[in-house]
Amino acid sequence: MHTAKSHERDVFIDVIEKLRLLSSSQQRFIKEMIVQPEKTIATSQKELLKKSFGVWADRKDISNSLDYVYHIRAGWGTRLGREKG
């Protein structure tokens, strides 16, 4: 039986493993948010958007960003249809 403490540890380990899978630019972005949270909060949305631009640049599984977005959006209609019943 899992205790709350062991579940918390498992979640932490899972997060760490997923962080290792991020590209270097994604890792830098996360690090900046953790190291200087007050600066991130004070930063405007426009500045955050500029800062996050290219965060997927190092992804090997996304060769064409437009095709990738179309693929993701293709599933939206199916999901919306299920939710409407």
Protein backbone atom coordinates (compact mmCIF):
# COMPACT_ATOMS: atom_id res chain seq x y z
CA MET A 1 0.00 0.00 0.00
CA HIS A 2 1.33 3.42 -0.95
CA THR A 3 1.53 6.07 1.67
CA ALA A 4 1.09 9.74 0.85
CA LYS A 5 4.83 10.20 1.30
CA SER A 6 5.75 7.43 -1.13
CA HIS A 7 3.22 8.76 -3.67
CA GLU A 8 4.79 12.21 -3.35
CA ARG A 9 8.24 10.69 -3.92
CA ASP A 10 6.98 8.77 -6.99
CA VAL A 11 5.50 11.94 -8.47
CA PHE A 12 8.76 13.81 -7.83
CA ILE A 13 10.79 11.07 -9.54
CA ASP A 14 8.39 11.12 -12.49
CA VAL A 15 8.77 14.90 -12.84
CA ILE A 16 12.56 14.65 -12.75
CA GLU A 17 12.54 11.93 -15.42
CA LYS A 18 10.30 14.05 -17.65
CA LEU A 19 12.51 17.11 -17.16
CA ARG A 20 15.46 15.11 -18.47
CA LEU A 21 13.52 14.44 -21.70
CA LEU A 22 13.12 18.16 -22.43
CA SER A 23 15.31 19.88 -24.96
CA SER A 24 18.11 22.11 -23.71
CA SER A 25 16.13 25.28 -24.49
CA GLN A 26 13.11 23.93 -22.61
CA GLN A 27 15.32 23.08 -19.63
CA ARG A 28 16.82 26.60 -19.65
CA PHE A 29 13.32 28.11 -19.69
CA ILE A 30 12.23 25.98 -16.69
CA LYS A 31 15.46 26.79 -14.84
CA GLU A 32 14.95 30.53 -15.31
CA MET A 33 11.41 30.27 -13.98
CA ILE A 34 12.61 28.39 -10.88
CA VAL A 35 15.71 30.48 -10.16
CA GLN A 36 14.01 33.85 -10.55
CA PRO A 37 10.28 33.35 -9.91
CA GLU A 38 9.70 36.96 -8.84
CA LYS A 39 11.19 38.16 -12.13
CA THR A 40 8.94 35.79 -14.08
CA ILE A 41 5.84 37.02 -12.24
CA ALA A 42 6.77 40.64 -12.92
CA THR A 43 7.40 39.90 -16.60
CA SER A 44 4.63 40.84 -18.99
CA GLN A 45 2.84 38.20 -21.03
CA LYS A 46 4.37 39.60 -24.21
CA GLU A 47 7.88 39.29 -22.77
CA LEU A 48 7.17 35.72 -21.63
CA LEU A 49 5.95 34.83 -25.11
CA LYS A 50 9.14 36.25 -26.65
CA LYS A 51 11.25 34.39 -24.10
CA SER A 52 9.53 31.07 -24.79
CA PHE A 53 9.83 31.44 -28.58
CA GLY A 54 11.80 28.54 -30.00
CA VAL A 55 11.39 26.42 -26.88
CA TRP A 56 10.64 23.43 -29.15
CA ALA A 57 13.52 24.17 -31.51
CA ASP A 58 15.59 21.21 -30.32
CA ARG A 59 12.76 18.68 -30.61
CA LYS A 60 13.70 15.82 -32.94
CA ASP A 61 10.12 14.47 -33.13
CA ILE A 62 8.76 17.69 -34.68
CA SER A 63 10.17 18.22 -38.15
CA ASN A 64 7.45 20.55 -39.44
CA SER A 65 5.67 22.69 -36.85
CA LEU A 66 2.63 23.37 -39.05
CA ASP A 67 2.07 19.66 -39.70
CA TYR A 68 2.47 19.00 -35.98
CA VAL A 69 -0.15 21.61 -35.04
CA TYR A 70 -2.57 20.34 -37.72
CA HIS A 71 -2.12 16.82 -36.34
CA ILE A 72 -2.92 17.98 -32.80
CA ARG A 73 -5.92 20.01 -33.94
CA ALA A 74 -7.28 17.10 -35.96
CA GLY A 75 -8.08 15.31 -32.71
CA TRP A 76 -9.94 18.28 -31.27
CA GLY A 77 -13.04 17.72 -33.39
CA THR A 78 -13.27 14.12 -32.25
CA ARG A 79 -12.92 15.15 -28.63
CA LEU A 80 -15.51 17.92 -28.93
CA GLY A 81 -17.92 15.46 -30.55
CA ARG A 82 -17.54 13.06 -27.60
CA GLU A 83 -18.11 15.82 -25.05
CA LYS A 84 -21.27 17.09 -26.76
CA GLY A 85 -22.58 13.54 -26.70
